[in-house]
Amino acid sequence: MADFSRRLPVYLLLDCSGSMMGEPIEAVRQGVKALLSELRGDPQALETAYLSVITFDSTARQITPLTELMQFKEPELNASGATALGGALKVLMDCVKSEVRKSTDTQKGDWRPLVFILTDGSPTDIESFNQAAQELKTVKIANIIACAAGSNADTSYLKQITESVLMMNTLSAGDMAQFFAWVSGSIKMSSKSLDAKPGGAIELPPPPQGFVVVP
């Protein structure tokens, strides 16, 4: 008998750089709030999904460790500084190493983490980013989905981290709400399909209206 149930770790990597100040960061706060209430209303997600938030501005940090949904407290998000996306990827790798349970001979570990990256720019810590992107390719620790928000977002960097890159045209509250609704839909869909086809490729719902999947 396993003494724990397998978790679906979900990491949100949120850009809190200066360009997100004002309406965008407020829209992200509302989005996280909506995401939580959506997931808490879904029995399957409630049972399996655990949520963590990593933010990046001039530095990157994990502000909420991997937490079950009922215990999760909304993080305080403020916008300032640069875009240390490379730093955020490093923090992500460290967190996955320390928080996600690996399978052993007697016990299955957690499911493969889902990572959602939201950024409205391009990394300002290029060297760090290049190293982290390279390492992520090698270790393949998670299913990563990246969203480039607004006209200044550079998708070419995101494509170095993952094949799944979405582009949203604006940082408006409406687009942001759609993005977070899509994230909660993706998490719900993943938590339902886990038992159906373990190890299968992850299925995501179609992107929101007006969002473009970057080829």
N, C-alpha and C. Protein backbone atom coordinates (compact mmCIF):
# COMPACT_ATOMS: atom_id res chain seq x y z
N MET A 1 0.86 -1.20 0.00
CA MET A 1 0.00 0.00 0.00
C MET A 1 0.89 1.25 0.00
N ALA A 2 0.71 2.10 -0.99
CA ALA A 2 1.52 3.33 -1.02
C ALA A 2 1.05 4.25 0.10
N ASP A 3 2.02 4.90 0.75
CA ASP A 3 1.61 5.76 1.86
C ASP A 3 1.38 7.21 1.40
N PHE A 4 1.36 7.41 0.10
CA PHE A 4 0.97 8.74 -0.38
C PHE A 4 0.34 8.58 -1.74
N SER A 5 -0.45 9.56 -2.14
CA SER A 5 -1.00 9.47 -3.49
C SER A 5 -0.09 10.28 -4.41
N ARG A 6 -0.06 9.87 -5.66
CA ARG A 6 0.82 10.55 -6.62
C ARG A 6 0.27 11.93 -6.90
N ARG A 7 1.15 12.90 -6.86
CA ARG A 7 0.72 14.28 -7.07
C ARG A 7 1.02 14.71 -8.50
N LEU A 8 0.25 15.68 -8.97
CA LEU A 8 0.56 16.33 -10.23
C LEU A 8 1.11 17.71 -9.86
N PRO A 9 2.45 17.87 -9.86
CA PRO A 9 3.02 19.16 -9.48
C PRO A 9 2.83 20.17 -10.62
N VAL A 10 2.34 21.37 -10.27
CA VAL A 10 2.13 22.42 -11.26
C VAL A 10 2.94 23.64 -10.83
N TYR A 11 3.81 24.09 -11.71
CA TYR A 11 4.63 25.28 -11.41
C TYR A 11 4.21 26.42 -12.31
N LEU A 12 3.90 27.56 -11.71
CA LEU A 12 3.60 28.78 -12.48
C LEU A 12 4.83 29.67 -12.42
N LEU A 13 5.41 30.00 -13.57
CA LEU A 13 6.55 30.92 -13.61
C LEU A 13 6.03 32.25 -14.15
N LEU A 14 5.95 33.24 -13.28
CA LEU A 14 5.28 34.49 -13.64
C LEU A 14 6.25 35.66 -13.74
N ASP A 15 6.17 36.34 -14.86
CA ASP A 15 7.01 37.51 -15.12
C ASP A 15 6.47 38.68 -14.29
N CYS A 16 7.30 39.18 -13.37
CA CYS A 16 6.90 40.32 -12.54
C CYS A 16 7.84 41.50 -12.79
N SER A 17 8.33 41.61 -14.03
CA SER A 17 9.26 42.70 -14.37
C SER A 17 8.50 44.02 -14.46
N GLY A 18 9.24 45.10 -14.55
CA GLY A 18 8.65 46.44 -14.54
C GLY A 18 7.59 46.66 -15.61
N SER A 19 7.76 46.01 -16.77
CA SER A 19 6.80 46.22 -17.85
C SER A 19 5.43 45.61 -17.54
N MET A 20 5.35 44.81 -16.48
CA MET A 20 4.06 44.21 -16.10
C MET A 20 3.31 45.11 -15.11
N MET A 21 3.91 46.25 -14.79
CA MET A 21 3.32 47.13 -13.77
C MET A 21 1.93 47.61 -14.17
N GLY A 22 1.08 47.83 -13.18
CA GLY A 22 -0.25 48.37 -13.48
C GLY A 22 -1.26 47.28 -13.82
N GLU A 23 -1.98 47.47 -14.91
CA GLU A 23 -3.05 46.53 -15.26
C GLU A 23 -2.57 45.09 -15.45
N PRO A 24 -1.43 44.87 -16.16
CA PRO A 24 -1.02 43.48 -16.37
C PRO A 24 -0.83 42.68 -15.07
N ILE A 25 -0.11 43.26 -14.11
CA ILE A 25 0.16 42.47 -12.89
C ILE A 25 -1.13 42.28 -12.10
N GLU A 26 -2.01 43.25 -12.15
CA GLU A 26 -3.32 43.11 -11.50
C GLU A 26 -4.11 41.97 -12.16
N ALA A 27 -4.02 41.91 -13.50
CA ALA A 27 -4.71 40.85 -14.23
C ALA A 27 -4.13 39.48 -13.87
N VAL A 28 -2.81 39.43 -13.63
CA VAL A 28 -2.19 38.16 -13.22
C VAL A 28 -2.70 37.78 -11.83
N ARG A 29 -2.77 38.74 -10.92
CA ARG A 29 -3.30 38.45 -9.57
C ARG A 29 -4.71 37.87 -9.65
N GLN A 30 -5.55 38.53 -10.45
CA GLN A 30 -6.93 38.04 -10.61
C GLN A 30 -6.94 36.65 -11.25
N GLY A 31 -6.02 36.46 -12.20
CA GLY A 31 -5.94 35.17 -12.90
C GLY A 31 -5.60 34.04 -11.95
N VAL A 32 -4.64 34.28 -11.07
CA VAL A 32 -4.24 33.25 -10.10
C VAL A 32 -5.42 32.94 -9.17
N LYS A 33 -6.13 33.99 -8.77
CA LYS A 33 -7.31 33.83 -7.90
C LYS A 33 -8.37 32.95 -8.59
N ALA A 34 -8.64 33.26 -9.86
CA ALA A 34 -9.65 32.51 -10.62
C ALA A 34 -9.21 31.06 -10.81
N LEU A 35 -7.92 30.89 -11.10
CA LEU A 35 -7.35 29.55 -11.30
C LEU A 35 -7.57 28.69 -10.06
N LEU A 36 -7.29 29.28 -8.90
CA LEU A 36 -7.45 28.55 -7.65
C LEU A 36 -8.89 28.12 -7.42
N SER A 37 -9.83 29.06 -7.61
CA SER A 37 -11.21 28.71 -7.30
C SER A 37 -11.73 27.67 -8.30
N GLU A 38 -11.26 27.78 -9.53
CA GLU A 38 -11.63 26.81 -10.57
C GLU A 38 -11.13 25.41 -10.20
N LEU A 39 -9.88 25.31 -9.79
CA LEU A 39 -9.29 24.00 -9.47
C LEU A 39 -9.88 23.42 -8.18
N ARG A 40 -10.16 24.31 -7.24
CA ARG A 40 -10.72 23.82 -5.98
C ARG A 40 -12.13 23.25 -6.16
N GLY A 41 -12.77 23.66 -7.27
CA GLY A 41 -14.11 23.14 -7.54
C GLY A 41 -14.09 21.83 -8.31
N ASP A 42 -12.90 21.32 -8.61
CA ASP A 42 -12.79 20.10 -9.40
C ASP A 42 -12.21 18.98 -8.53
N PRO A 43 -13.02 17.95 -8.21
CA PRO A 43 -12.59 16.93 -7.26
C PRO A 43 -11.28 16.25 -7.66
N GLN A 44 -11.14 15.97 -8.96
CA GLN A 44 -9.94 15.26 -9.43
C GLN A 44 -8.69 16.14 -9.27
N ALA A 45 -8.81 17.41 -9.66
CA ALA A 45 -7.67 18.33 -9.54
C ALA A 45 -7.34 18.53 -8.06
N LEU A 46 -8.39 18.65 -7.26
CA LEU A 46 -8.21 18.88 -5.82
C LEU A 46 -7.38 17.76 -5.21
N GLU A 47 -7.60 16.56 -5.71
CA GLU A 47 -6.91 15.40 -5.15
C GLU A 47 -5.47 15.30 -5.62
N THR A 48 -5.23 15.66 -6.90
CA THR A 48 -3.89 15.39 -7.44
C THR A 48 -3.00 16.62 -7.63
N ALA A 49 -3.60 17.78 -7.93
CA ALA A 49 -2.75 18.91 -8.31
C ALA A 49 -2.18 19.64 -7.09
N TYR A 50 -0.89 19.93 -7.16
CA TYR A 50 -0.20 20.74 -6.15
C TYR A 50 0.39 21.92 -6.90
N LEU A 51 0.34 23.10 -6.29
CA LEU A 51 0.69 24.31 -7.02
C LEU A 51 1.87 25.04 -6.38
N SER A 52 2.76 25.55 -7.24
CA SER A 52 3.87 26.36 -6.76
C SER A 52 3.99 27.59 -7.65
N VAL A 53 4.43 28.70 -7.06
CA VAL A 53 4.62 29.92 -7.87
C VAL A 53 6.08 30.38 -7.78
N ILE A 54 6.67 30.59 -8.94
CA ILE A 54 8.03 31.13 -9.04
C ILE A 54 7.89 32.46 -9.79
N THR A 55 8.42 33.54 -9.23
CA THR A 55 8.33 34.82 -9.92
C THR A 55 9.73 35.24 -10.38
N PHE A 56 9.76 36.05 -11.42
CA PHE A 56 11.07 36.59 -11.84
C PHE A 56 10.93 38.05 -12.23
N ASP A 57 11.83 38.87 -11.66
CA ASP A 57 12.01 40.25 -12.10
C ASP A 57 13.52 40.38 -12.29
N SER A 58 14.20 41.23 -11.48
CA SER A 58 15.67 41.27 -11.63
C SER A 58 16.31 40.01 -11.06
N THR A 59 15.59 39.34 -10.17
CA THR A 59 16.05 38.04 -9.68
C THR A 59 14.85 37.09 -9.76
N ALA A 60 15.11 35.82 -9.50
CA ALA A 60 14.02 34.84 -9.54
C ALA A 60 13.94 34.15 -8.19
N ARG A 61 12.70 33.85 -7.76
CA ARG A 61 12.57 33.14 -6.48
C ARG A 61 11.28 32.33 -6.48
N GLN A 62 11.30 31.29 -5.68
CA GLN A 62 10.06 30.53 -5.49
C GLN A 62 9.32 31.21 -4.33
N ILE A 63 8.14 31.79 -4.61
CA ILE A 63 7.45 32.47 -3.52
C ILE A 63 6.41 31.58 -2.85
N THR A 64 6.00 30.53 -3.53
CA THR A 64 5.13 29.53 -2.90
C THR A 64 5.66 28.16 -3.22
N PRO A 65 6.10 27.40 -2.20
CA PRO A 65 6.54 26.04 -2.48
C PRO A 65 5.36 25.19 -2.93
N LEU A 66 5.63 24.00 -3.41
CA LEU A 66 4.58 23.10 -3.89
C LEU A 66 3.59 22.82 -2.76
N THR A 67 2.34 23.23 -2.96
CA THR A 67 1.35 23.20 -1.88
C THR A 67 0.05 22.61 -2.40
N GLU A 68 -0.63 21.83 -1.55
CA GLU A 68 -1.93 21.32 -2.00
C GLU A 68 -2.91 22.49 -2.12
N LEU A 69 -3.89 22.34 -2.99
CA LEU A 69 -4.74 23.48 -3.36
C LEU A 69 -5.46 24.12 -2.17
N MET A 70 -5.93 23.29 -1.24
CA MET A 70 -6.69 23.85 -0.12
C MET A 70 -5.81 24.68 0.82
N GLN A 71 -4.52 24.36 0.86
CA GLN A 71 -3.59 25.08 1.75
C GLN A 71 -2.95 26.27 1.06
N PHE A 72 -3.13 26.35 -0.24
CA PHE A 72 -2.41 27.35 -1.04
C PHE A 72 -2.90 28.77 -0.73
N LYS A 73 -1.95 29.64 -0.41
CA LYS A 73 -2.32 31.04 -0.17
C LYS A 73 -1.88 31.87 -1.36
N GLU A 74 -2.75 32.77 -1.79
CA GLU A 74 -2.41 33.58 -2.96
C GLU A 74 -1.16 34.41 -2.69
N PRO A 75 -0.19 34.32 -3.60
CA PRO A 75 1.06 35.06 -3.38
C PRO A 75 0.88 36.56 -3.62
N GLU A 76 1.74 37.33 -3.02
CA GLU A 76 1.72 38.77 -3.28
C GLU A 76 2.57 39.03 -4.51
N LEU A 77 2.00 39.59 -5.54
CA LEU A 77 2.74 39.83 -6.77
C LEU A 77 2.89 41.32 -7.01
N ASN A 78 4.14 41.76 -7.18
CA ASN A 78 4.40 43.17 -7.49
C ASN A 78 5.35 43.23 -8.67
N ALA A 79 5.19 44.25 -9.49
CA ALA A 79 6.01 44.33 -10.70
C ALA A 79 7.10 45.38 -10.57
N SER A 80 8.34 44.99 -10.91
CA SER A 80 9.47 45.93 -10.98
C SER A 80 10.67 45.21 -11.57
N GLY A 81 11.64 45.97 -12.03
CA GLY A 81 12.92 45.36 -12.40
C GLY A 81 12.97 44.72 -13.78
N ALA A 82 13.97 43.88 -13.98
CA ALA A 82 14.28 43.28 -15.28
C ALA A 82 13.58 41.92 -15.43
N THR A 83 14.06 41.09 -16.35
CA THR A 83 13.38 39.83 -16.66
C THR A 83 14.35 38.65 -16.55
N ALA A 84 14.56 38.16 -15.33
CA ALA A 84 15.53 37.08 -15.12
C ALA A 84 14.89 35.71 -15.38
N LEU A 85 14.53 35.49 -16.64
CA LEU A 85 13.89 34.22 -16.98
C LEU A 85 14.86 33.05 -16.82
N GLY A 86 16.12 33.28 -17.16
CA GLY A 86 17.13 32.21 -16.96
C GLY A 86 17.19 31.80 -15.50
N GLY A 87 17.19 32.80 -14.62
CA GLY A 87 17.20 32.53 -13.18
C GLY A 87 15.98 31.74 -12.77
N ALA A 88 14.83 32.07 -13.36
CA ALA A 88 13.59 31.37 -13.02
C ALA A 88 13.65 29.90 -13.42
N LEU A 89 14.27 29.63 -14.57
CA LEU A 89 14.39 28.24 -15.02
C LEU A 89 15.31 27.46 -14.09
N LYS A 90 16.36 28.13 -13.61
CA LYS A 90 17.26 27.46 -12.65
C LYS A 90 16.53 27.15 -11.35
N VAL A 91 15.76 28.14 -10.87
CA VAL A 91 14.99 27.93 -9.64
C VAL A 91 14.02 26.76 -9.85
N LEU A 92 13.39 26.74 -11.02
CA LEU A 92 12.45 25.65 -11.34
C LEU A 92 13.15 24.29 -11.25
N MET A 93 14.32 24.18 -11.86
CA MET A 93 15.03 22.89 -11.85
C MET A 93 15.37 22.46 -10.42
N ASP A 94 15.83 23.43 -9.60
CA ASP A 94 16.14 23.12 -8.20
C ASP A 94 14.90 22.66 -7.45
N CYS A 95 13.79 23.36 -7.67
CA CYS A 95 12.55 23.02 -6.97
C CYS A 95 12.05 21.64 -7.36
N VAL A 96 12.11 21.35 -8.66
CA VAL A 96 11.65 20.04 -9.12
C VAL A 96 12.52 18.94 -8.49
N LYS A 97 13.84 19.20 -8.44
CA LYS A 97 14.73 18.21 -7.82
C LYS A 97 14.37 17.98 -6.37
N SER A 98 14.08 19.06 -5.64
CA SER A 98 13.87 18.89 -4.20
C SER A 98 12.43 18.55 -3.83
N GLU A 99 11.46 18.93 -4.67
CA GLU A 99 10.05 18.78 -4.26
C GLU A 99 9.32 17.61 -4.90
N VAL A 100 9.71 17.23 -6.11
CA VAL A 100 8.95 16.21 -6.82
C VAL A 100 9.51 14.83 -6.47
N ARG A 101 8.60 13.96 -6.03
CA ARG A 101 9.06 12.63 -5.59
C ARG A 101 9.34 11.74 -6.80
N LYS A 102 10.49 11.10 -6.75
CA LYS A 102 10.88 10.21 -7.84
C LYS A 102 10.36 8.80 -7.57
N SER A 103 10.20 8.03 -8.65
CA SER A 103 9.78 6.65 -8.46
C SER A 103 10.92 5.83 -7.87
N THR A 104 10.58 4.89 -7.01
CA THR A 104 11.58 3.95 -6.48
C THR A 104 11.11 2.56 -6.89
N ASP A 105 11.85 1.53 -6.45
CA ASP A 105 11.49 0.15 -6.82
C ASP A 105 10.13 -0.22 -6.25
N THR A 106 9.80 0.35 -5.09
CA THR A 106 8.59 -0.09 -4.41
C THR A 106 7.43 0.88 -4.61
N GLN A 107 7.73 2.06 -5.12
CA GLN A 107 6.71 3.09 -5.12
C GLN A 107 6.80 3.99 -6.34
N LYS A 108 5.68 4.29 -6.91
CA LYS A 108 5.70 5.24 -8.03
C LYS A 108 5.82 6.66 -7.48
N GLY A 109 6.60 7.49 -8.17
CA GLY A 109 6.75 8.88 -7.73
C GLY A 109 5.61 9.73 -8.23
N ASP A 110 5.79 11.05 -8.13
CA ASP A 110 4.77 11.96 -8.62
C ASP A 110 4.68 11.90 -10.14
N TRP A 111 3.61 12.45 -10.67
CA TRP A 111 3.49 12.57 -12.12
C TRP A 111 4.47 13.64 -12.61
N ARG A 112 4.68 13.63 -13.92
CA ARG A 112 5.61 14.62 -14.48
C ARG A 112 5.02 16.02 -14.30
N PRO A 113 5.80 16.94 -13.76
CA PRO A 113 5.26 18.27 -13.49
C PRO A 113 4.77 18.99 -14.76
N LEU A 114 3.79 19.85 -14.55
CA LEU A 114 3.32 20.76 -15.60
C LEU A 114 3.87 22.14 -15.25
N VAL A 115 4.45 22.79 -16.23
CA VAL A 115 5.02 24.13 -15.97
C VAL A 115 4.40 25.12 -16.95
N PHE A 116 3.88 26.21 -16.41
CA PHE A 116 3.33 27.28 -17.26
C PHE A 116 4.17 28.53 -17.06
N ILE A 117 4.71 29.03 -18.16
CA ILE A 117 5.54 30.24 -18.08
C ILE A 117 4.77 31.39 -18.74
N LEU A 118 4.68 32.52 -18.04
CA LEU A 118 4.03 33.70 -18.62
C LEU A 118 5.03 34.85 -18.61
N THR A 119 5.35 35.38 -19.80
CA THR A 119 6.29 36.50 -19.85
C THR A 119 5.87 37.50 -20.93
N ASP A 120 6.18 38.77 -20.70
CA ASP A 120 5.82 39.78 -21.69
C ASP A 120 7.05 40.38 -22.37
N GLY A 121 8.21 39.75 -22.18
CA GLY A 121 9.42 40.33 -22.76
C GLY A 121 10.37 39.26 -23.22
N SER A 122 11.66 39.52 -23.08
CA SER A 122 12.66 38.50 -23.36
C SER A 122 13.64 38.52 -22.20
N PRO A 123 14.36 37.42 -21.98
CA PRO A 123 15.23 37.34 -20.81
C PRO A 123 16.32 38.42 -20.83
N THR A 124 16.59 39.01 -19.66
CA THR A 124 17.67 39.99 -19.57
C THR A 124 18.94 39.32 -19.06
N ASP A 125 18.83 38.07 -18.60
CA ASP A 125 20.02 37.34 -18.13
C ASP A 125 20.38 36.26 -19.15
N ILE A 126 20.76 36.73 -20.34
CA ILE A 126 20.93 35.84 -21.49
C ILE A 126 21.86 34.65 -21.23
N GLU A 127 22.98 34.92 -20.60
CA GLU A 127 23.95 33.83 -20.38
C GLU A 127 23.33 32.74 -19.52
N SER A 128 22.73 33.19 -18.43
CA SER A 128 22.05 32.30 -17.51
C SER A 128 20.92 31.55 -18.22
N PHE A 129 20.20 32.28 -19.07
CA PHE A 129 19.08 31.68 -19.81
C PHE A 129 19.59 30.58 -20.75
N ASN A 130 20.66 30.87 -21.50
CA ASN A 130 21.19 29.89 -22.45
C ASN A 130 21.61 28.61 -21.75
N GLN A 131 22.26 28.76 -20.59
CA GLN A 131 22.69 27.58 -19.83
C GLN A 131 21.47 26.78 -19.36
N ALA A 132 20.51 27.49 -18.80
CA ALA A 132 19.33 26.82 -18.24
C ALA A 132 18.51 26.13 -19.35
N ALA A 133 18.38 26.82 -20.49
CA ALA A 133 17.61 26.25 -21.60
C ALA A 133 18.26 24.96 -22.08
N GLN A 134 19.59 25.00 -22.15
CA GLN A 134 20.36 23.84 -22.58
C GLN A 134 20.15 22.67 -21.60
N GLU A 135 20.25 22.99 -20.32
CA GLU A 135 20.11 21.97 -19.28
C GLU A 135 18.70 21.37 -19.29
N LEU A 136 17.70 22.22 -19.47
CA LEU A 136 16.31 21.74 -19.51
C LEU A 136 16.10 20.75 -20.65
N LYS A 137 16.76 21.05 -21.80
CA LYS A 137 16.65 20.14 -22.95
C LYS A 137 17.18 18.76 -22.60
N THR A 138 18.26 18.77 -21.82
CA THR A 138 18.91 17.51 -21.47
C THR A 138 18.11 16.74 -20.43
N VAL A 139 17.65 17.45 -19.40
CA VAL A 139 17.01 16.72 -18.30
C VAL A 139 15.51 16.46 -18.51
N LYS A 140 14.85 17.26 -19.36
CA LYS A 140 13.42 17.05 -19.66
C LYS A 140 12.61 16.71 -18.41
N ILE A 141 12.62 17.64 -17.45
CA ILE A 141 12.02 17.33 -16.16
C ILE A 141 10.52 17.56 -16.10
N ALA A 142 9.96 18.21 -17.13
CA ALA A 142 8.56 18.60 -16.99
C ALA A 142 7.94 18.83 -18.36
N ASN A 143 6.62 18.89 -18.38
CA ASN A 143 5.92 19.35 -19.57
C ASN A 143 5.78 20.86 -19.44
N ILE A 144 6.44 21.58 -20.34
CA ILE A 144 6.49 23.04 -20.20
C ILE A 144 5.63 23.70 -21.28
N ILE A 145 4.79 24.63 -20.85
CA ILE A 145 3.97 25.41 -21.78
C ILE A 145 4.31 26.88 -21.52
N ALA A 146 4.66 27.61 -22.57
CA ALA A 146 5.04 29.01 -22.36
C ALA A 146 4.06 29.92 -23.09
N CYS A 147 3.76 31.05 -22.47
CA CYS A 147 2.87 32.01 -23.10
C CYS A 147 3.59 33.36 -23.22
N ALA A 148 3.68 33.84 -24.45
CA ALA A 148 4.28 35.14 -24.71
C ALA A 148 3.14 36.15 -24.74
N ALA A 149 3.18 37.10 -23.81
CA ALA A 149 2.05 38.02 -23.67
C ALA A 149 2.38 39.40 -24.21
N GLY A 150 1.58 39.87 -25.15
CA GLY A 150 1.77 41.23 -25.64
C GLY A 150 2.77 41.32 -26.77
N SER A 151 2.83 42.49 -27.38
CA SER A 151 3.61 42.64 -28.62
C SER A 151 5.12 42.65 -28.41
N ASN A 152 5.57 42.87 -27.16
CA ASN A 152 7.03 42.90 -26.94
C ASN A 152 7.61 41.55 -26.55
N ALA A 153 6.75 40.56 -26.41
CA ALA A 153 7.25 39.25 -25.99
C ALA A 153 7.99 38.59 -27.14
N ASP A 154 9.13 37.99 -26.82
CA ASP A 154 9.94 37.35 -27.85
C ASP A 154 9.78 35.84 -27.77
N THR A 155 9.11 35.27 -28.78
CA THR A 155 8.82 33.83 -28.71
C THR A 155 10.05 32.97 -29.02
N SER A 156 11.06 33.56 -29.67
CA SER A 156 12.21 32.72 -30.07
C SER A 156 12.92 32.15 -28.84
N TYR A 157 12.95 32.90 -27.74
CA TYR A 157 13.58 32.36 -26.53
C TYR A 157 12.72 31.23 -25.96
N LEU A 158 11.41 31.45 -25.96
CA LEU A 158 10.53 30.44 -25.37
C LEU A 158 10.60 29.13 -26.15
N LYS A 159 10.76 29.25 -27.49
CA LYS A 159 10.87 28.04 -28.31
C LYS A 159 12.12 27.22 -27.97
N GLN A 160 13.09 27.88 -27.35
CA GLN A 160 14.29 27.12 -26.94
C GLN A 160 14.01 26.25 -25.72
N ILE A 161 12.95 26.58 -25.01
CA ILE A 161 12.64 25.81 -23.79
C ILE A 161 11.59 24.75 -24.07
N THR A 162 10.65 25.05 -24.97
CA THR A 162 9.53 24.13 -25.17
C THR A 162 8.95 24.27 -26.57
N GLU A 163 8.35 23.19 -27.05
CA GLU A 163 7.63 23.24 -28.33
C GLU A 163 6.29 23.95 -28.17
N SER A 164 5.75 23.92 -26.95
CA SER A 164 4.40 24.47 -26.73
C SER A 164 4.47 25.94 -26.34
N VAL A 165 4.38 26.81 -27.35
CA VAL A 165 4.42 28.25 -27.07
C VAL A 165 3.14 28.89 -27.61
N LEU A 166 2.48 29.63 -26.73
CA LEU A 166 1.26 30.36 -27.11
C LEU A 166 1.60 31.83 -27.18
N MET A 167 0.89 32.54 -28.05
CA MET A 167 1.12 33.97 -28.16
C MET A 167 -0.20 34.66 -27.88
N MET A 168 -0.23 35.57 -26.90
CA MET A 168 -1.44 36.36 -26.76
C MET A 168 -1.10 37.80 -27.09
N ASN A 169 -2.04 38.47 -27.78
CA ASN A 169 -1.70 39.76 -28.38
C ASN A 169 -1.60 40.90 -27.40
N THR A 170 -2.34 40.83 -26.31
CA THR A 170 -2.34 41.96 -25.39
C THR A 170 -2.14 41.48 -23.97
N LEU A 171 -1.90 42.44 -23.09
CA LEU A 171 -1.78 42.12 -21.66
C LEU A 171 -3.07 42.54 -20.96
N SER A 172 -4.15 42.60 -21.73
CA SER A 172 -5.41 43.08 -21.15
C SER A 172 -5.94 42.09 -20.12
N ALA A 173 -6.79 42.60 -19.24
CA ALA A 173 -7.39 41.76 -18.21
C ALA A 173 -8.17 40.61 -18.86
N GLY A 174 -8.84 40.91 -19.99
CA GLY A 174 -9.62 39.88 -20.68
C GLY A 174 -8.75 38.74 -21.19
N ASP A 175 -7.64 39.08 -21.87
CA ASP A 175 -6.74 38.05 -22.38
C ASP A 175 -6.11 37.26 -21.24
N MET A 176 -5.73 37.97 -20.19
CA MET A 176 -5.09 37.32 -19.06
C MET A 176 -6.06 36.34 -18.39
N ALA A 177 -7.32 36.77 -18.27
CA ALA A 177 -8.34 35.90 -17.67
C ALA A 177 -8.51 34.64 -18.52
N GLN A 178 -8.50 34.82 -19.85
CA GLN A 178 -8.62 33.66 -20.75
C GLN A 178 -7.44 32.72 -20.59
N PHE A 179 -6.24 33.32 -20.44
CA PHE A 179 -5.05 32.50 -20.30
C PHE A 179 -5.14 31.64 -19.03
N PHE A 180 -5.50 32.27 -17.91
CA PHE A 180 -5.56 31.50 -16.66
C PHE A 180 -6.70 30.48 -16.67
N ALA A 181 -7.79 30.81 -17.36
CA ALA A 181 -8.88 29.84 -17.49
C ALA A 181 -8.39 28.64 -18.30
N TRP A 182 -7.57 28.92 -19.31
CA TRP A 182 -7.01 27.84 -20.14
C TRP A 182 -6.03 26.99 -19.32
N VAL A 183 -5.24 27.66 -18.47
CA VAL A 183 -4.31 26.93 -17.60
C VAL A 183 -5.09 26.00 -16.67
N SER A 184 -6.18 26.52 -16.07
CA SER A 184 -6.93 25.64 -15.16
C SER A 184 -7.57 24.49 -15.93
N GLY A 185 -8.04 24.79 -17.16
CA GLY A 185 -8.58 23.71 -18.01
C GLY A 185 -7.53 22.66 -18.31
N SER A 186 -6.31 23.12 -18.58
CA SER A 186 -5.21 22.19 -18.88
C SER A 186 -4.88 21.32 -17.68
N ILE A 187 -4.89 21.93 -16.49
CA ILE A 187 -4.56 21.17 -15.28
C ILE A 187 -5.66 20.14 -15.01
N LYS A 188 -6.92 20.57 -15.19
CA LYS A 188 -8.04 19.65 -14.95
C LYS A 188 -7.99 18.47 -15.94
N MET A 189 -7.70 18.81 -17.19
CA MET A 189 -7.64 17.79 -18.23
C MET A 189 -6.50 16.81 -17.92
N SER A 190 -5.36 17.35 -17.49
CA SER A 190 -4.21 16.50 -17.17
C SER A 190 -4.52 15.61 -15.98
N SER A 191 -5.15 16.17 -14.94
CA SER A 191 -5.39 15.36 -13.76
C SER A 191 -6.39 14.24 -14.07
N LYS A 192 -7.27 14.47 -15.06
CA LYS A 192 -8.22 13.41 -15.44
C LYS A 192 -7.56 12.35 -16.31
N SER A 193 -6.64 12.78 -17.17
CA SER A 193 -6.09 11.81 -18.13
C SER A 193 -4.91 11.03 -17.56
N LEU A 194 -4.47 11.38 -16.35
CA LEU A 194 -3.29 10.72 -15.79
C LEU A 194 -3.46 9.21 -15.71
N ASP A 195 -4.59 8.80 -15.10
CA ASP A 195 -4.78 7.36 -14.92
C ASP A 195 -5.14 6.67 -16.23
N ALA A 196 -5.77 7.44 -17.11
CA ALA A 196 -6.22 6.84 -18.36
C ALA A 196 -5.05 6.35 -19.21
N LYS A 197 -4.05 7.21 -19.39
CA LYS A 197 -2.88 6.72 -20.13
C LYS A 197 -1.61 7.22 -19.47
N PRO A 198 -1.18 6.50 -18.46
CA PRO A 198 0.05 6.91 -17.78
C PRO A 198 1.19 6.96 -18.79
N GLY A 199 2.01 7.97 -18.67
CA GLY A 199 3.17 8.04 -19.57
C GLY A 199 2.83 8.53 -20.96
N GLY A 200 1.54 8.72 -21.25
CA GLY A 200 1.17 9.20 -22.58
C GLY A 200 1.52 10.67 -22.71
N ALA A 201 1.52 11.15 -23.94
CA ALA A 201 1.80 12.58 -24.14
C ALA A 201 0.69 13.39 -23.49
N ILE A 202 1.04 14.55 -23.03
CA ILE A 202 0.04 15.36 -22.34
C ILE A 202 -0.90 16.02 -23.35
N GLU A 203 -2.17 15.99 -23.01
CA GLU A 203 -3.16 16.61 -23.89
C GLU A 203 -3.56 17.95 -23.31
N LEU A 204 -3.65 18.94 -24.16
CA LEU A 204 -4.07 20.26 -23.69
C LEU A 204 -5.33 20.67 -24.43
N PRO A 205 -6.18 21.44 -23.77
CA PRO A 205 -7.35 21.94 -24.48
C PRO A 205 -6.92 22.92 -25.57
N PRO A 206 -7.77 23.16 -26.58
CA PRO A 206 -7.38 24.13 -27.61
C PRO A 206 -7.17 25.50 -26.99
N PRO A 207 -6.23 26.28 -27.52
CA PRO A 207 -5.94 27.58 -26.92
C PRO A 207 -7.14 28.52 -27.01
N PRO A 208 -7.18 29.53 -26.14
CA PRO A 208 -8.30 30.46 -26.15
C PRO A 208 -8.41 31.19 -27.49
N GLN A 209 -9.61 31.67 -27.76
CA GLN A 209 -9.90 32.45 -28.96
C GLN A 209 -8.90 33.60 -29.08
N GLY A 210 -8.31 33.77 -30.26
CA GLY A 210 -7.42 34.90 -30.46
C GLY A 210 -5.98 34.64 -30.05
N PHE A 211 -5.73 33.50 -29.40
CA PHE A 211 -4.36 33.15 -29.07
C PHE A 211 -3.78 32.34 -30.21
N VAL A 212 -2.49 32.50 -30.48
CA VAL A 212 -1.88 31.80 -31.59
C VAL A 212 -0.86 30.80 -31.05
N VAL A 213 -0.90 29.58 -31.58
CA VAL A 213 0.14 28.61 -31.22
C VAL A 213 1.33 28.89 -32.13
N VAL A 214 2.49 29.13 -31.54
CA VAL A 214 3.66 29.49 -32.35
C VAL A 214 4.25 28.22 -32.96
N PRO A 215 4.32 28.16 -34.29
CA PRO A 215 4.80 26.93 -34.95
C PRO A 215 6.28 26.69 -34.69
